[in-house]
Each structure stands twice: as C-alpha cells, then as structure tokens.
C-alpha cells in the first residue's frame, strides 16, 4: 500500500511562482511537478553529476572576415557595422 505524506517546504517566491506557472502550462498540479523533479534528482544516483550539456557546434563559412572588420575591438566593429548600413 502506498501512503502519501504531507509536508511543508519553504521556497523562494520567484521559484514558487515559476513552478506554479510551469505546472499550469503542463495542466497538472504543483504536487506532480515537484514529485517528478524529486524523482529525477534522486534517480541520478549519489554523487553523480547531471548530464553534460551538449557541445557547441560552431557554424563557419568560407571566405573569412570582411576587409577592415576587427572583431577584437568592439568599438571598431560597431563603427564598421554602422558604415555598412
């Protein structure tokens, strides 16, 4: 037999509001969202970090930078962009 335990937890206001909004978006009670989050966290195993984020895939094109564009100098890059308009 599965029993349910009632408890009270304190959350920062912003986290509580975000969780309530997410639960509403999913059309489920906040309890279900919290339960799923706890199960996911506990299912990771002790001391095992979360999965690594995916590697960044850089998109490049042939040709290089346009003449006169210096990406190392932010002000110069801004001026170059303004001249192109």
N, C-alpha and C. Protein backbone atom coordinates (compact mmCIF):
# COMPACT_ATOMS: atom_id res chain seq x y z
N UNK A 1 0.83 -1.17 0.00
CA UNK A 1 0.00 0.00 0.00
C UNK A 1 0.88 1.24 0.00
N UNK A 2 0.57 2.18 -0.88
CA UNK A 2 1.32 3.42 -0.97
C UNK A 2 0.62 4.48 -0.15
N UNK A 3 1.38 5.13 0.72
CA UNK A 3 0.78 6.20 1.51
C UNK A 3 1.41 7.53 1.11
N UNK A 4 0.68 8.58 1.28
CA UNK A 4 1.16 9.91 0.97
C UNK A 4 1.45 10.64 2.27
N UNK A 5 2.52 11.40 2.29
CA UNK A 5 2.91 12.17 3.45
C UNK A 5 2.76 13.64 3.11
N UNK A 6 2.15 14.38 3.98
CA UNK A 6 2.04 15.83 3.78
C UNK A 6 3.23 16.49 4.47
N UNK A 7 3.77 17.50 3.83
CA UNK A 7 4.88 18.23 4.42
C UNK A 7 4.81 19.68 3.96
N UNK A 8 5.55 20.51 4.61
CA UNK A 8 5.64 21.92 4.25
C UNK A 8 7.09 22.21 3.90
N UNK A 9 7.28 22.88 2.78
CA UNK A 9 8.64 23.31 2.41
C UNK A 9 8.61 24.81 2.15
N UNK A 10 9.74 25.45 2.39
CA UNK A 10 9.85 26.88 2.12
C UNK A 10 10.65 27.05 0.84
N UNK A 11 10.11 27.84 -0.08
CA UNK A 11 10.76 28.11 -1.35
C UNK A 11 10.87 29.62 -1.54
N UNK A 12 11.90 30.06 -2.24
CA UNK A 12 11.94 31.48 -2.60
C UNK A 12 10.72 31.82 -3.47
N UNK A 13 10.19 33.02 -3.31
CA UNK A 13 8.99 33.42 -4.03
C UNK A 13 9.12 33.23 -5.53
N UNK A 14 10.26 33.62 -6.10
CA UNK A 14 10.43 33.51 -7.56
C UNK A 14 10.38 32.06 -8.03
N UNK A 15 10.95 31.15 -7.25
CA UNK A 15 10.93 29.73 -7.61
C UNK A 15 9.52 29.17 -7.52
N UNK A 16 8.80 29.55 -6.47
CA UNK A 16 7.42 29.09 -6.31
C UNK A 16 6.54 29.58 -7.46
N UNK A 17 6.67 30.85 -7.81
CA UNK A 17 5.86 31.41 -8.90
C UNK A 17 6.19 30.72 -10.22
N UNK A 18 7.48 30.51 -10.49
CA UNK A 18 7.88 29.83 -11.73
C UNK A 18 7.35 28.40 -11.77
N UNK A 19 7.38 27.72 -10.63
CA UNK A 19 6.89 26.34 -10.57
C UNK A 19 5.38 26.29 -10.78
N UNK A 20 4.64 27.22 -10.17
CA UNK A 20 3.18 27.27 -10.35
C UNK A 20 2.84 27.53 -11.82
N UNK A 21 3.59 28.45 -12.46
CA UNK A 21 3.34 28.74 -13.87
C UNK A 21 3.61 27.51 -14.73
N UNK A 22 4.71 26.81 -14.45
CA UNK A 22 5.06 25.62 -15.24
C UNK A 22 4.00 24.53 -15.06
N UNK A 23 3.56 24.33 -13.83
CA UNK A 23 2.52 23.33 -13.57
C UNK A 23 1.24 23.69 -14.33
N UNK A 24 0.90 24.97 -14.36
CA UNK A 24 -0.29 25.40 -15.09
C UNK A 24 -0.12 25.16 -16.59
N UNK A 25 1.08 25.46 -17.12
CA UNK A 25 1.34 25.21 -18.54
C UNK A 25 1.16 23.73 -18.88
N UNK A 26 1.59 22.87 -17.95
CA UNK A 26 1.50 21.43 -18.17
C UNK A 26 0.13 20.87 -17.78
N UNK A 27 -0.73 21.74 -17.25
CA UNK A 27 -2.07 21.36 -16.80
C UNK A 27 -2.01 20.20 -15.80
N UNK A 28 -1.15 20.40 -14.80
CA UNK A 28 -1.03 19.39 -13.75
C UNK A 28 -0.86 20.11 -12.42
N UNK A 29 -1.13 19.42 -11.32
CA UNK A 29 -0.96 20.05 -10.01
C UNK A 29 0.52 20.27 -9.71
N UNK A 30 0.79 21.28 -8.91
CA UNK A 30 2.16 21.57 -8.49
C UNK A 30 2.78 20.34 -7.84
N UNK A 31 1.99 19.61 -7.08
CA UNK A 31 2.46 18.39 -6.42
C UNK A 31 3.11 17.43 -7.42
N UNK A 32 2.50 17.26 -8.60
CA UNK A 32 3.04 16.34 -9.61
C UNK A 32 4.38 16.85 -10.15
N UNK A 33 4.48 18.16 -10.36
CA UNK A 33 5.73 18.74 -10.85
C UNK A 33 6.86 18.54 -9.84
N UNK A 34 6.55 18.81 -8.57
CA UNK A 34 7.55 18.65 -7.51
C UNK A 34 7.95 17.18 -7.38
N UNK A 35 6.97 16.29 -7.42
CA UNK A 35 7.26 14.86 -7.30
C UNK A 35 8.19 14.40 -8.43
N UNK A 36 7.88 14.81 -9.67
CA UNK A 36 8.71 14.41 -10.81
C UNK A 36 10.13 14.96 -10.67
N UNK A 37 10.24 16.20 -10.22
CA UNK A 37 11.57 16.80 -10.03
C UNK A 37 12.38 16.08 -8.97
N UNK A 38 11.73 15.73 -7.87
CA UNK A 38 12.43 14.99 -6.81
C UNK A 38 12.85 13.60 -7.29
N UNK A 39 11.96 12.93 -8.01
CA UNK A 39 12.31 11.59 -8.51
C UNK A 39 13.49 11.67 -9.49
N UNK A 40 13.49 12.70 -10.34
CA UNK A 40 14.60 12.86 -11.29
C UNK A 40 15.91 13.12 -10.55
N UNK A 41 15.85 13.99 -9.55
CA UNK A 41 17.05 14.31 -8.78
C UNK A 41 17.57 13.10 -8.01
N UNK A 42 16.66 12.36 -7.39
CA UNK A 42 17.06 11.19 -6.61
C UNK A 42 17.50 10.03 -7.51
N UNK A 43 16.99 9.99 -8.72
CA UNK A 43 17.34 8.92 -9.64
C UNK A 43 18.72 9.05 -10.25
N UNK A 44 19.32 10.22 -10.11
CA UNK A 44 20.66 10.43 -10.66
C UNK A 44 21.73 9.61 -9.96
N UNK A 45 21.48 9.25 -8.75
CA UNK A 45 22.48 8.48 -8.01
C UNK A 45 23.33 9.41 -7.16
N UNK A 46 23.90 8.84 -6.15
CA UNK A 46 24.68 9.63 -5.19
C UNK A 46 25.99 10.09 -5.82
N UNK A 47 26.22 11.39 -5.73
CA UNK A 47 27.49 11.94 -6.19
C UNK A 47 27.66 12.01 -7.69
N UNK A 48 26.67 11.57 -8.43
CA UNK A 48 26.80 11.60 -9.88
C UNK A 48 26.27 12.93 -10.39
N UNK A 49 27.08 13.69 -11.12
CA UNK A 49 26.63 14.99 -11.61
C UNK A 49 25.58 14.83 -12.72
N UNK A 50 24.90 15.91 -12.98
CA UNK A 50 23.92 15.92 -14.06
C UNK A 50 24.64 15.70 -15.39
N UNK A 51 23.88 15.28 -16.39
CA UNK A 51 24.45 15.05 -17.71
C UNK A 51 25.12 16.31 -18.23
N UNK A 52 26.21 16.14 -18.96
CA UNK A 52 26.91 17.28 -19.53
C UNK A 52 26.04 17.94 -20.59
N UNK A 53 26.09 19.26 -20.68
CA UNK A 53 25.34 19.92 -21.74
C UNK A 53 25.94 19.55 -23.09
N UNK A 54 25.15 19.62 -24.14
CA UNK A 54 25.69 19.26 -25.45
C UNK A 54 26.79 20.23 -25.86
N UNK A 55 27.73 19.73 -26.64
CA UNK A 55 28.84 20.55 -27.11
C UNK A 55 28.33 21.60 -28.09
N UNK A 56 28.98 22.74 -28.09
CA UNK A 56 28.62 23.80 -29.02
C UNK A 56 29.09 23.40 -30.41
N UNK A 57 28.20 23.53 -31.37
CA UNK A 57 28.56 23.23 -32.75
C UNK A 57 28.77 24.56 -33.46
N UNK A 58 30.01 24.85 -33.80
CA UNK A 58 30.33 26.11 -34.46
C UNK A 58 29.99 26.01 -35.94
N UNK A 59 29.33 27.04 -36.43
CA UNK A 59 28.99 27.10 -37.84
C UNK A 59 29.94 28.09 -38.50
N UNK A 60 30.63 27.64 -39.51
CA UNK A 60 31.59 28.50 -40.21
C UNK A 60 31.27 28.52 -41.69
N UNK A 61 31.74 29.55 -42.35
CA UNK A 61 31.58 29.66 -43.79
C UNK A 61 32.92 30.01 -44.41
N UNK A 62 33.07 29.68 -45.66
CA UNK A 62 34.32 30.01 -46.36
C UNK A 62 34.38 31.52 -46.59
N UNK A 63 35.58 32.06 -46.65
CA UNK A 63 35.75 33.46 -47.01
C UNK A 63 36.33 34.31 -45.91
N UNK A 64 36.18 33.94 -44.67
CA UNK A 64 36.77 34.71 -43.58
C UNK A 64 36.02 36.01 -43.33
N UNK A 65 36.68 36.91 -42.57
CA UNK A 65 36.07 38.18 -42.21
C UNK A 65 36.21 39.18 -43.34
N UNK A 66 35.26 40.10 -43.44
CA UNK A 66 35.37 41.15 -44.46
C UNK A 66 36.58 42.05 -44.17
N UNK A 67 37.13 42.63 -45.18
CA UNK A 67 38.28 43.53 -45.02
C UNK A 67 37.88 44.70 -44.13
N UNK A 68 38.75 45.05 -43.21
CA UNK A 68 38.52 46.19 -42.33
C UNK A 68 37.72 45.89 -41.08
N UNK A 69 37.26 44.67 -40.91
CA UNK A 69 36.49 44.31 -39.72
C UNK A 69 37.42 43.71 -38.68
N UNK A 70 37.49 44.36 -37.51
CA UNK A 70 38.34 43.89 -36.42
C UNK A 70 37.45 43.44 -35.27
N UNK A 71 37.23 42.14 -35.15
CA UNK A 71 36.34 41.62 -34.12
C UNK A 71 36.95 41.67 -32.73
N UNK A 72 38.24 41.94 -32.63
CA UNK A 72 38.89 42.04 -31.33
C UNK A 72 38.63 43.40 -30.68
N UNK A 73 38.22 44.38 -31.47
CA UNK A 73 37.97 45.73 -30.97
C UNK A 73 36.47 46.02 -31.13
N UNK A 74 35.76 46.00 -30.02
CA UNK A 74 34.31 46.15 -30.07
C UNK A 74 33.87 47.48 -30.68
N UNK A 75 34.53 48.56 -30.30
CA UNK A 75 34.17 49.88 -30.82
C UNK A 75 34.41 49.94 -32.33
N UNK A 76 35.54 49.39 -32.77
CA UNK A 76 35.85 49.39 -34.21
C UNK A 76 34.84 48.53 -34.96
N UNK A 77 34.44 47.42 -34.38
CA UNK A 77 33.46 46.55 -35.03
C UNK A 77 32.12 47.27 -35.15
N UNK A 78 31.73 48.00 -34.11
CA UNK A 78 30.48 48.75 -34.15
C UNK A 78 30.54 49.82 -35.26
N UNK A 79 31.66 50.53 -35.33
CA UNK A 79 31.81 51.55 -36.38
C UNK A 79 31.74 50.92 -37.76
N UNK A 80 32.37 49.77 -37.93
CA UNK A 80 32.35 49.07 -39.23
C UNK A 80 30.91 48.71 -39.60
N UNK A 81 30.16 48.22 -38.63
CA UNK A 81 28.78 47.84 -38.88
C UNK A 81 27.95 49.06 -39.25
N UNK A 82 28.18 50.19 -38.59
CA UNK A 82 27.45 51.42 -38.91
C UNK A 82 27.74 51.88 -40.33
N UNK A 83 28.98 51.76 -40.77
CA UNK A 83 29.35 52.16 -42.13
C UNK A 83 28.68 51.28 -43.18
N UNK A 84 28.34 50.04 -42.82
CA UNK A 84 27.74 49.11 -43.77
C UNK A 84 26.26 49.39 -44.03
N UNK A 85 25.66 50.21 -43.18
CA UNK A 85 24.22 50.50 -43.33
C UNK A 85 23.93 51.48 -44.40
